PDB file of all heavy atoms in Angstrom:
ATOM      1  N   ALA A   1       0.801  -1.259   0.046  1.00  0.00           N
ATOM      2  CA  ALA A   1      -0.046   0.031   0.031  1.00  0.00           C
ATOM      3  C   ALA A   1       0.864   1.235  -0.006  1.00  0.00           C
ATOM      4  O   ALA A   1       0.465   2.250  -0.344  1.00  0.00           O
ATOM      5  CB  ALA A   1      -0.926  -0.073   1.297  1.00  0.00           C
ATOM      6  N   GLU A   2       2.181   1.124   0.386  1.00  0.00           N
ATOM      7  CA  GLU A   2       3.029   2.213   0.402  1.00  0.00           C
ATOM      8  C   GLU A   2       3.527   2.680  -0.962  1.00  0.00           C
ATOM      9  O   GLU A   2       4.206   3.656  -1.056  1.00  0.00           O
ATOM     10  CB  GLU A   2       4.267   1.859   1.321  1.00  0.00           C
ATOM     11  CG  GLU A   2       3.916   1.575   2.769  1.00  0.00           C
ATOM     12  CD  GLU A   2       5.194   1.073   3.524  1.00  0.00           C
ATOM     13  OE1 GLU A   2       6.269   1.367   3.149  1.00  0.00           O
ATOM     14  OE2 GLU A   2       4.863   0.072   4.323  1.00  0.00           O
ATOM     15  N   GLY A   3       3.336   1.780  -2.005  1.00  0.00           N
ATOM     16  CA  GLY A   3       3.725   2.184  -3.353  1.00  0.00           C
ATOM     17  C   GLY A   3       4.727   1.228  -3.850  1.00  0.00           C
ATOM     18  O   GLY A   3       4.703   0.039  -3.499  1.00  0.00           O
ATOM     19  N   LEU A   4       5.626   1.642  -4.699  1.00  0.00           N
ATOM     20  CA  LEU A   4       6.676   0.778  -5.381  1.00  0.00           C
ATOM     21  C   LEU A   4       8.050   1.125  -4.865  1.00  0.00           C
ATOM     22  O   LEU A   4       8.320   2.322  -4.547  1.00  0.00           O
ATOM     23  CB  LEU A   4       6.505   0.924  -6.844  1.00  0.00           C
ATOM     24  CG  LEU A   4       5.133   0.638  -7.476  1.00  0.00           C
ATOM     25  CD1 LEU A   4       5.168   1.029  -8.959  1.00  0.00           C
ATOM     26  CD2 LEU A   4       4.769  -0.810  -7.371  1.00  0.00           C
ATOM     27  N   PRO A   5       8.984   0.199  -4.899  1.00  0.00           N
ATOM     28  CA  PRO A   5      10.317   0.466  -4.521  1.00  0.00           C
ATOM     29  C   PRO A   5      10.961   1.381  -5.537  1.00  0.00           C
ATOM     30  O   PRO A   5      10.506   1.464  -6.694  1.00  0.00           O
ATOM     31  CB  PRO A   5      10.974  -0.955  -4.574  1.00  0.00           C
ATOM     32  CG  PRO A   5       9.932  -1.834  -4.472  1.00  0.00           C
ATOM     33  CD  PRO A   5       8.737  -1.220  -5.150  1.00  0.00           C
ATOM     34  N   PRO A   6      12.014   2.131  -5.174  1.00  0.00           N
ATOM     35  CA  PRO A   6      12.616   3.143  -6.054  1.00  0.00           C
ATOM     36  C   PRO A   6      13.514   2.518  -7.143  1.00  0.00           C
ATOM     37  O   PRO A   6      14.788   2.854  -7.252  1.00  0.00           O
ATOM     38  CB  PRO A   6      13.325   4.101  -5.067  1.00  0.00           C
ATOM     39  CG  PRO A   6      13.752   3.173  -4.011  1.00  0.00           C
ATOM     40  CD  PRO A   6      12.549   2.156  -3.826  1.00  0.00           C
ATOM     41  N   ALA A   7      12.973   1.566  -7.883  1.00  0.00           N
ATOM     42  CA  ALA A   7      13.859   0.834  -8.801  1.00  0.00           C
ATOM     43  C   ALA A   7      13.729   1.575 -10.137  1.00  0.00           C
ATOM     44  O   ALA A   7      12.908   2.331 -10.433  1.00  0.00           O
ATOM     45  CB  ALA A   7      13.328  -0.601  -8.993  1.00  0.00           C
ATOM     46  N   LEU A   8      14.709   1.241 -11.085  1.00  0.00           N
ATOM     47  CA  LEU A   8      14.698   1.787 -12.455  1.00  0.00           C
ATOM     48  C   LEU A   8      13.482   1.364 -13.145  1.00  0.00           C
ATOM     49  O   LEU A   8      12.851   2.222 -13.888  1.00  0.00           O
ATOM     50  CB  LEU A   8      15.944   1.307 -13.172  1.00  0.00           C
ATOM     51  CG  LEU A   8      16.060   1.763 -14.522  1.00  0.00           C
ATOM     52  CD1 LEU A   8      16.720   3.159 -14.645  1.00  0.00           C
ATOM     53  CD2 LEU A   8      16.908   0.832 -15.399  1.00  0.00           C
ATOM     54  N   ALA A   9      13.073   0.092 -13.001  1.00  0.00           N
ATOM     55  CA  ALA A   9      11.809  -0.391 -13.535  1.00  0.00           C
ATOM     56  C   ALA A   9      11.207  -1.432 -12.643  1.00  0.00           C
ATOM     57  O   ALA A   9      11.852  -2.243 -12.097  1.00  0.00           O
ATOM     58  CB  ALA A   9      12.153  -0.973 -14.947  1.00  0.00           C
ATOM     59  N   VAL A  10       9.753  -1.341 -12.516  1.00  0.00           N
ATOM     60  CA  VAL A  10       9.106  -2.303 -11.786  1.00  0.00           C
ATOM     61  C   VAL A  10       8.092  -2.930 -12.599  1.00  0.00           C
ATOM     62  O   VAL A  10       7.091  -2.210 -13.029  1.00  0.00           O
ATOM     63  CB  VAL A  10       8.511  -1.644 -10.527  1.00  0.00           C
ATOM     64  CG1 VAL A  10       7.629  -2.695  -9.696  1.00  0.00           C
ATOM     65  CG2 VAL A  10       9.536  -1.053  -9.649  1.00  0.00           C
ATOM     66  N   ILE A  11       8.159  -4.194 -13.020  1.00  0.00           N
ATOM     67  CA  ILE A  11       7.221  -4.779 -13.876  1.00  0.00           C
ATOM     68  C   ILE A  11       6.401  -5.830 -12.978  1.00  0.00           C
ATOM     69  O   ILE A  11       7.082  -6.739 -12.438  1.00  0.00           O
ATOM     70  CB  ILE A  11       8.023  -5.623 -15.022  1.00  0.00           C
ATOM     71  CG1 ILE A  11       8.955  -4.706 -15.755  1.00  0.00           C
ATOM     72  CG2 ILE A  11       7.001  -6.225 -16.029  1.00  0.00           C
ATOM     73  CD1 ILE A  11       9.945  -5.367 -16.655  1.00  0.00           C
ATOM     74  N   ASP A  12       5.180  -5.493 -12.915  1.00  0.00           N
ATOM     75  CA  ASP A  12       4.335  -6.435 -12.122  1.00  0.00           C
ATOM     76  C   ASP A  12       2.924  -6.232 -12.565  1.00  0.00           C
ATOM     77  O   ASP A  12       2.295  -5.185 -12.540  1.00  0.00           O
ATOM     78  CB  ASP A  12       4.410  -6.017 -10.701  1.00  0.00           C
ATOM     79  CG  ASP A  12       3.638  -6.954  -9.707  1.00  0.00           C
ATOM     80  OD1 ASP A  12       2.683  -7.632 -10.115  1.00  0.00           O
ATOM     81  OD2 ASP A  12       4.065  -7.047  -8.489  1.00  0.00           O
ATOM     82  N   PRO A  13       2.232  -7.356 -13.070  1.00  0.00           N
ATOM     83  CA  PRO A  13       0.905  -7.202 -13.484  1.00  0.00           C
ATOM     84  C   PRO A  13      -0.166  -6.734 -12.521  1.00  0.00           C
ATOM     85  O   PRO A  13      -1.210  -6.376 -12.755  1.00  0.00           O
ATOM     86  CB  PRO A  13       0.553  -8.589 -14.074  1.00  0.00           C
ATOM     87  CG  PRO A  13       1.480  -9.470 -13.418  1.00  0.00           C
ATOM     88  CD  PRO A  13       2.738  -8.708 -13.234  1.00  0.00           C
ATOM     89  N   LYS A  14       0.230  -6.901 -11.134  1.00  0.00           N
ATOM     90  CA  LYS A  14      -0.610  -6.530 -10.115  1.00  0.00           C
ATOM     91  C   LYS A  14      -0.526  -5.034  -9.757  1.00  0.00           C
ATOM     92  O   LYS A  14      -1.298  -4.514  -8.931  1.00  0.00           O
ATOM     93  CB  LYS A  14      -0.351  -7.324  -8.814  1.00  0.00           C
ATOM     94  CG  LYS A  14      -0.354  -8.884  -8.973  1.00  0.00           C
ATOM     95  CD  LYS A  14      -1.663  -9.320  -8.995  1.00  0.00           C
ATOM     96  CE  LYS A  14      -1.801 -10.881  -9.255  1.00  0.00           C
ATOM     97  NZ  LYS A  14      -1.044 -11.722  -8.324  1.00  0.00           N
ATOM     98  N   ARG A  15       0.308  -4.267 -10.488  1.00  0.00           N
ATOM     99  CA  ARG A  15       0.345  -2.808 -10.312  1.00  0.00           C
ATOM    100  C   ARG A  15      -1.060  -2.311 -10.714  1.00  0.00           C
ATOM    101  O   ARG A  15      -1.553  -2.692 -11.776  1.00  0.00           O
ATOM    102  CB  ARG A  15       1.396  -2.268 -11.187  1.00  0.00           C
ATOM    103  CG  ARG A  15       2.843  -2.299 -10.701  1.00  0.00           C
ATOM    104  CD  ARG A  15       3.898  -1.660 -11.651  1.00  0.00           C
ATOM    105  NE  ARG A  15       3.729  -0.275 -11.814  1.00  0.00           N
ATOM    106  CZ  ARG A  15       4.625   0.565 -12.187  1.00  0.00           C
ATOM    107  NH1 ARG A  15       5.821   0.153 -12.414  1.00  0.00           N
ATOM    108  NH2 ARG A  15       4.377   1.876 -12.355  1.00  0.00           N
ATOM    109  N   SER A  16      -1.468  -1.260  -9.893  1.00  0.00           N
ATOM    110  CA  SER A  16      -2.756  -0.656 -10.200  1.00  0.00           C
ATOM    111  C   SER A  16      -2.814  -0.026 -11.577  1.00  0.00           C
ATOM    112  O   SER A  16      -3.863   0.118 -12.313  1.00  0.00           O
ATOM    113  CB  SER A  16      -3.232   0.318  -9.116  1.00  0.00           C
ATOM    114  OG  SER A  16      -2.306   1.301  -9.064  1.00  0.00           O
ATOM    115  N   ASP A  17      -1.594   0.451 -12.089  1.00  0.00           N
ATOM    116  CA  ASP A  17      -1.619   1.183 -13.309  1.00  0.00           C
ATOM    117  C   ASP A  17      -1.126   0.247 -14.503  1.00  0.00           C
ATOM    118  O   ASP A  17      -0.862   0.738 -15.595  1.00  0.00           O
ATOM    119  CB  ASP A  17      -0.668   2.426 -13.231  1.00  0.00           C
ATOM    120  CG  ASP A  17       0.811   2.029 -12.833  1.00  0.00           C
ATOM    121  OD1 ASP A  17       0.993   0.886 -12.419  1.00  0.00           O
ATOM    122  OD2 ASP A  17       1.638   2.788 -12.952  1.00  0.00           O
ATOM    123  N   CYS A  18      -1.112  -1.004 -14.297  1.00  0.00           N
ATOM    124  CA  CYS A  18      -0.620  -1.984 -15.295  1.00  0.00           C
ATOM    125  C   CYS A  18      -1.854  -2.288 -16.196  1.00  0.00           C
ATOM    126  O   CYS A  18      -2.814  -2.877 -15.716  1.00  0.00           O
ATOM    127  CB  CYS A  18      -0.056  -3.251 -14.708  1.00  0.00           C
ATOM    128  SG  CYS A  18       0.404  -4.339 -15.921  1.00  0.00           S
ATOM    129  N   ARG A  19      -1.742  -2.034 -17.573  1.00  0.00           N
ATOM    130  CA  ARG A  19      -2.825  -2.306 -18.447  1.00  0.00           C
ATOM    131  C   ARG A  19      -2.859  -3.686 -19.071  1.00  0.00           C
ATOM    132  O   ARG A  19      -3.648  -4.045 -19.797  1.00  0.00           O
ATOM    133  CB  ARG A  19      -2.845  -1.180 -19.532  1.00  0.00           C
ATOM    134  CG  ARG A  19      -3.043   0.120 -19.006  1.00  0.00           C
ATOM    135  CD  ARG A  19      -3.272   1.130 -20.265  1.00  0.00           C
ATOM    136  NE  ARG A  19      -2.258   1.049 -21.315  1.00  0.00           N
ATOM    137  CZ  ARG A  19      -1.032   1.707 -21.221  1.00  0.00           C
ATOM    138  NH1 ARG A  19      -0.881   2.587 -20.169  1.00  0.00           N
ATOM    139  NH2 ARG A  19      -0.298   1.678 -22.232  1.00  0.00           N
ATOM    140  N   TYR A  20      -1.832  -4.457 -18.622  1.00  0.00           N
ATOM    141  CA  TYR A  20      -1.656  -5.795 -19.267  1.00  0.00           C
ATOM    142  C   TYR A  20      -2.917  -6.621 -18.766  1.00  0.00           C
ATOM    143  O   TYR A  20      -3.311  -6.758 -17.673  1.00  0.00           O
ATOM    144  CB  TYR A  20      -0.409  -6.532 -18.788  1.00  0.00           C
ATOM    145  CG  TYR A  20      -0.065  -7.705 -19.612  1.00  0.00           C
ATOM    146  CD1 TYR A  20       0.331  -7.520 -20.916  1.00  0.00           C
ATOM    147  CD2 TYR A  20      -0.193  -9.041 -19.170  1.00  0.00           C
ATOM    148  CE1 TYR A  20       0.607  -8.556 -21.789  1.00  0.00           C
ATOM    149  CE2 TYR A  20       0.113 -10.118 -20.022  1.00  0.00           C
ATOM    150  CZ  TYR A  20       0.515  -9.870 -21.299  1.00  0.00           C
ATOM    151  OH  TYR A  20       0.764 -10.932 -22.076  1.00  0.00           O
ATOM    152  N   PRO A  21      -3.513  -7.256 -19.902  1.00  0.00           N
ATOM    153  CA  PRO A  21      -4.922  -7.941 -19.566  1.00  0.00           C
ATOM    154  C   PRO A  21      -4.879  -9.121 -18.680  1.00  0.00           C
ATOM    155  O   PRO A  21      -5.878  -9.417 -18.024  1.00  0.00           O
ATOM    156  CB  PRO A  21      -5.457  -8.260 -20.924  1.00  0.00           C
ATOM    157  CG  PRO A  21      -4.325  -8.342 -21.771  1.00  0.00           C
ATOM    158  CD  PRO A  21      -3.238  -7.398 -21.241  1.00  0.00           C
ATOM    159  N   PHE A  22      -3.720  -9.857 -18.661  1.00  0.00           N
ATOM    160  CA  PHE A  22      -3.698 -11.112 -17.895  1.00  0.00           C
ATOM    161  C   PHE A  22      -2.890 -10.928 -16.644  1.00  0.00           C
ATOM    162  O   PHE A  22      -1.682 -10.675 -16.732  1.00  0.00           O
ATOM    163  CB  PHE A  22      -3.203 -12.292 -18.799  1.00  0.00           C
ATOM    164  CG  PHE A  22      -3.355 -13.710 -18.069  1.00  0.00           C
ATOM    165  CD1 PHE A  22      -4.557 -14.162 -17.903  1.00  0.00           C
ATOM    166  CD2 PHE A  22      -2.165 -14.290 -17.725  1.00  0.00           C
ATOM    167  CE1 PHE A  22      -4.677 -15.443 -17.338  1.00  0.00           C
ATOM    168  CE2 PHE A  22      -2.309 -15.572 -17.052  1.00  0.00           C
ATOM    169  CZ  PHE A  22      -3.502 -16.095 -16.946  1.00  0.00           C
ATOM    170  N   LYS A  23      -3.591 -11.007 -15.556  1.00  0.00           N
ATOM    171  CA  LYS A  23      -2.959 -10.714 -14.147  1.00  0.00           C
ATOM    172  C   LYS A  23      -2.433 -11.867 -13.439  1.00  0.00           C
ATOM    173  O   LYS A  23      -1.950 -11.712 -12.285  1.00  0.00           O
ATOM    174  CB  LYS A  23      -4.082  -9.988 -13.329  1.00  0.00           C
ATOM    175  CG  LYS A  23      -4.803  -8.756 -13.928  1.00  0.00           C
ATOM    176  CD  LYS A  23      -3.665  -7.733 -14.221  1.00  0.00           C
ATOM    177  CE  LYS A  23      -4.278  -6.424 -14.659  1.00  0.00           C
ATOM    178  NZ  LYS A  23      -3.383  -5.284 -14.919  1.00  0.00           N
ATOM    179  N   HIS A  24      -2.529 -13.062 -13.942  1.00  0.00           N
ATOM    180  CA  HIS A  24      -2.199 -14.276 -13.173  1.00  0.00           C
ATOM    181  C   HIS A  24      -0.912 -15.017 -13.580  1.00  0.00           C
ATOM    182  O   HIS A  24      -0.814 -16.265 -13.369  1.00  0.00           O
ATOM    183  CB  HIS A  24      -3.421 -15.185 -13.257  1.00  0.00           C
ATOM    184  CG  HIS A  24      -4.680 -14.590 -12.802  1.00  0.00           C
ATOM    185  ND1 HIS A  24      -4.916 -14.188 -11.455  1.00  0.00           N
ATOM    186  CD2 HIS A  24      -5.756 -14.254 -13.534  1.00  0.00           C
ATOM    187  CE1 HIS A  24      -6.038 -13.592 -11.444  1.00  0.00           C
ATOM    188  NE2 HIS A  24      -6.698 -13.616 -12.617  1.00  0.00           N
ATOM    189  N   LEU A  25       0.026 -14.310 -14.250  1.00  0.00           N
ATOM    190  CA  LEU A  25       1.294 -15.010 -14.675  1.00  0.00           C
ATOM    191  C   LEU A  25       2.149 -15.328 -13.464  1.00  0.00           C
ATOM    192  O   LEU A  25       2.125 -14.638 -12.479  1.00  0.00           O
ATOM    193  CB  LEU A  25       2.146 -13.967 -15.518  1.00  0.00           C
ATOM    194  CG  LEU A  25       1.509 -13.642 -16.900  1.00  0.00           C
ATOM    195  CD1 LEU A  25       2.366 -12.427 -17.511  1.00  0.00           C
ATOM    196  CD2 LEU A  25       1.562 -14.791 -17.834  1.00  0.00           C
ATOM    197  N   ALA A  26       2.695 -16.596 -13.443  1.00  0.00           N
ATOM    198  CA  ALA A  26       3.765 -16.857 -12.579  1.00  0.00           C
ATOM    199  C   ALA A  26       4.955 -16.060 -12.861  1.00  0.00           C
ATOM    200  O   ALA A  26       5.009 -15.463 -13.897  1.00  0.00           O
ATOM    201  CB  ALA A  26       4.070 -18.345 -12.620  1.00  0.00           C
ATOM    202  N   SER A  27       5.930 -15.864 -11.960  1.00  0.00           N
ATOM    203  CA  SER A  27       7.118 -15.092 -12.287  1.00  0.00           C
ATOM    204  C   SER A  27       7.839 -15.640 -13.538  1.00  0.00           C
ATOM    205  O   SER A  27       8.200 -14.852 -14.426  1.00  0.00           O
ATOM    206  CB  SER A  27       8.039 -15.199 -11.121  1.00  0.00           C
ATOM    207  OG  SER A  27       9.394 -14.637 -11.401  1.00  0.00           O
ATOM    208  N   VAL A  28       7.819 -16.941 -13.749  1.00  0.00           N
ATOM    209  CA  VAL A  28       8.558 -17.534 -14.934  1.00  0.00           C
ATOM    210  C   VAL A  28       7.805 -17.189 -16.222  1.00  0.00           C
ATOM    211  O   VAL A  28       8.473 -16.939 -17.278  1.00  0.00           O
ATOM    212  CB  VAL A  28       8.761 -19.037 -14.780  1.00  0.00           C
ATOM    213  CG1 VAL A  28       7.454 -19.844 -14.975  1.00  0.00           C
ATOM    214  CG2 VAL A  28       9.828 -19.570 -15.726  1.00  0.00           C
ATOM    215  N   GLY A  29       6.447 -17.006 -16.114  1.00  0.00           N
ATOM    216  CA  GLY A  29       5.686 -16.532 -17.210  1.00  0.00           C
ATOM    217  C   GLY A  29       6.090 -15.087 -17.604  1.00  0.00           C
ATOM    218  O   GLY A  29       6.100 -14.704 -18.727  1.00  0.00           O
ATOM    219  N   MET A  30       6.262 -14.274 -16.547  1.00  0.00           N
ATOM    220  CA  MET A  30       6.634 -12.918 -16.779  1.00  0.00           C
ATOM    221  C   MET A  30       8.063 -12.896 -17.421  1.00  0.00           C
ATOM    222  O   MET A  30       8.295 -11.974 -18.384  1.00  0.00           O
ATOM    223  CB  MET A  30       6.717 -12.039 -15.459  1.00  0.00           C
ATOM    224  CG  MET A  30       5.360 -11.909 -14.852  1.00  0.00           C
ATOM    225  SD  MET A  30       5.503 -10.962 -13.323  1.00  0.00           S
ATOM    226  CE  MET A  30       6.207  -9.433 -13.943  1.00  0.00           C
ATOM    227  N   VAL A  31       8.980 -13.736 -17.000  1.00  0.00           N
ATOM    228  CA  VAL A  31      10.332 -13.711 -17.666  1.00  0.00           C
ATOM    229  C   VAL A  31      10.178 -14.231 -19.133  1.00  0.00           C
ATOM    230  O   VAL A  31      10.904 -13.680 -19.942  1.00  0.00           O
ATOM    231  CB  VAL A  31      11.235 -14.665 -16.904  1.00  0.00           C
ATOM    232  CG1 VAL A  31      12.669 -14.731 -17.583  1.00  0.00           C
ATOM    233  CG2 VAL A  31      11.389 -14.142 -15.439  1.00  0.00           C
TER     234      VAL A  31
END
C-alpha cells in the first residue's frame, strides 16, 4: 500500500496502473 520500490523499472501485472490484460502470470511466465 506504500507504493513501489525506487527501482529503475518495476514490472508487475498486479500494479494498479498496469494495463496488461492477464494478471495471473507466474514469475517464470513474466520472464
